[in-house]
Amino acid sequence: MENKEKCNDEQCPIHGKLSARGRIFAGNVIRKFPKRIAIEFERTLFIKKYERYMKKKTRLHARVSRCMENVEVGDYVQVQECRPLSKIIHFVLIKIIRKKSEKKEISK
């Protein structure tokens, strides 16, 4: 789903010099900004005292390179850790797993 064209973005993990290394997460895009997105995903935590599991949501901000600008709110994407790019951005968008429109077509 990503463009095969070369983007002239220095901070692109595919075409630029930015090295993406570390943890990989997948989640839904909840907000979109000019050069970044915010994703959210659920995880389960075990609470030892009550011997129960609890659901928690995690939000991450990721940089979007020029070749991936077709991402929209509601898409299911994959992000990977990179060096700190700003105060809150420590991840970069790697690929779009599923578009929001495809999700609706499957449920019908």
Protein backbone atom coordinates (compact mmCIF):
# COMPACT_ATOMS: atom_id res chain seq x y z
CA MET A 1 0.00 0.00 0.00
CA GLU A 2 2.99 2.27 0.17
CA ASN A 3 4.36 4.25 -2.77
CA LYS A 4 7.37 2.74 -4.51
CA GLU A 5 8.48 6.19 -5.67
CA LYS A 6 11.44 7.76 -3.95
CA CYS A 7 10.46 10.53 -1.57
CA ASN A 8 12.98 13.27 -0.84
CA ASP A 9 12.41 13.10 2.91
CA GLU A 10 15.53 12.84 5.08
CA GLN A 11 13.51 11.31 7.93
CA CYS A 12 11.94 8.52 5.86
CA PRO A 13 12.88 5.03 7.14
CA ILE A 14 12.54 3.54 3.64
CA HIS A 15 14.07 6.19 1.34
CA GLY A 16 15.92 8.45 3.79
CA LYS A 17 18.65 8.13 6.38
CA LEU A 18 16.48 7.56 9.46
CA SER A 19 17.17 4.13 10.97
CA ALA A 20 14.14 2.45 12.48
CA ARG A 21 15.19 0.00 15.16
CA GLY A 22 13.61 -1.33 18.31
CA ARG A 23 10.04 -2.19 19.18
CA ILE A 24 7.25 -2.53 16.62
CA PHE A 25 3.61 -1.74 17.42
CA ALA A 26 0.38 -1.84 15.41
CA GLY A 27 -2.68 0.25 16.16
CA ASN A 28 -5.46 2.44 14.83
CA VAL A 29 -4.84 6.04 13.79
CA ILE A 30 -6.90 8.29 16.07
CA ARG A 31 -5.54 11.72 15.05
CA LYS A 32 -3.66 13.06 12.06
CA PHE A 33 -1.38 16.09 11.96
CA PRO A 34 0.67 17.54 9.06
CA LYS A 35 3.78 15.40 9.71
CA ARG A 36 2.70 13.01 12.44
CA ILE A 37 -0.07 10.68 13.54
CA ALA A 38 -1.30 9.46 16.91
CA ILE A 39 -2.10 5.76 17.17
CA GLU A 40 -3.87 3.86 19.94
CA PHE A 41 -3.88 0.17 20.83
CA GLU A 42 -5.11 -1.97 23.73
CA ARG A 43 -3.02 -4.17 25.97
CA THR A 44 -3.88 -6.36 28.94
CA LEU A 45 -2.21 -6.02 32.33
CA PHE A 46 -2.34 -8.59 35.11
CA ILE A 47 -3.18 -7.13 38.53
CA LYS A 48 -1.52 -9.39 41.09
CA LYS A 49 -3.57 -8.23 44.08
CA TYR A 50 -6.93 -9.06 42.50
CA GLU A 51 -5.69 -11.90 40.25
CA ARG A 52 -7.50 -10.32 37.32
CA TYR A 53 -6.64 -8.79 33.99
CA MET A 54 -7.31 -5.20 33.03
CA LYS A 55 -7.42 -3.56 29.61
CA LYS A 56 -5.36 -0.43 29.10
CA LYS A 57 -4.98 1.83 26.08
CA THR A 58 -1.64 3.16 24.92
CA ARG A 59 -1.17 6.18 22.67
CA LEU A 60 1.95 6.78 20.58
CA HIS A 61 2.92 9.58 18.22
CA ALA A 62 4.71 8.65 15.01
CA ARG A 63 6.26 10.67 12.19
CA VAL A 64 4.75 10.33 8.72
CA SER A 65 7.13 10.62 5.76
CA ARG A 66 6.11 12.12 2.40
CA CYS A 67 5.65 8.72 0.73
CA MET A 68 3.11 7.65 3.40
CA GLU A 69 0.94 10.79 3.51
CA ASN A 70 -2.14 8.90 2.28
CA VAL A 71 -2.79 7.58 5.80
CA GLU A 72 -6.18 8.54 7.25
CA VAL A 73 -7.91 8.48 10.64
CA GLY A 74 -9.19 4.95 11.29
CA ASP A 75 -6.45 3.11 9.37
CA TYR A 76 -4.65 0.19 11.02
CA VAL A 77 -0.91 0.92 10.78
CA GLN A 78 2.46 -0.38 11.94
CA VAL A 79 5.03 1.88 13.64
CA GLN A 80 8.59 1.20 14.69
CA GLU A 81 10.83 2.82 17.27
CA CYS A 82 13.55 5.21 16.13
CA ARG A 83 15.73 7.89 17.67
CA PRO A 84 13.85 10.76 19.39
CA LEU A 85 12.69 13.14 16.66
CA SER A 86 11.02 15.62 19.03
CA LYS A 87 9.69 15.83 22.55
CA ILE A 88 6.86 13.34 21.91
CA ILE A 89 7.79 11.61 18.64
CA HIS A 90 9.93 8.49 19.12
CA PHE A 91 8.32 6.30 16.45
CA VAL A 92 8.06 6.33 12.66
CA LEU A 93 5.31 4.97 10.39
CA ILE A 94 6.52 1.84 8.61
CA LYS A 95 3.45 0.63 6.70
CA ILE A 96 -0.31 0.81 6.42
CA ILE A 97 -1.70 -2.63 7.23
CA ARG A 98 -5.39 -1.97 6.54
CA LYS A 99 -7.29 1.08 5.34
CA LYS A 100 -10.48 2.18 7.09
CA SER A 101 -12.50 1.64 3.91
CA GLU A 102 -11.33 -1.99 3.66
CA LYS A 103 -12.43 -2.63 7.23
CA LYS A 104 -16.01 -1.59 6.41
CA GLU A 105 -16.16 -3.78 3.30
CA ILE A 106 -15.18 -6.88 5.29
CA SER A 107 -17.90 -6.34 7.92
CA LYS A 108 -20.72 -6.12 5.33
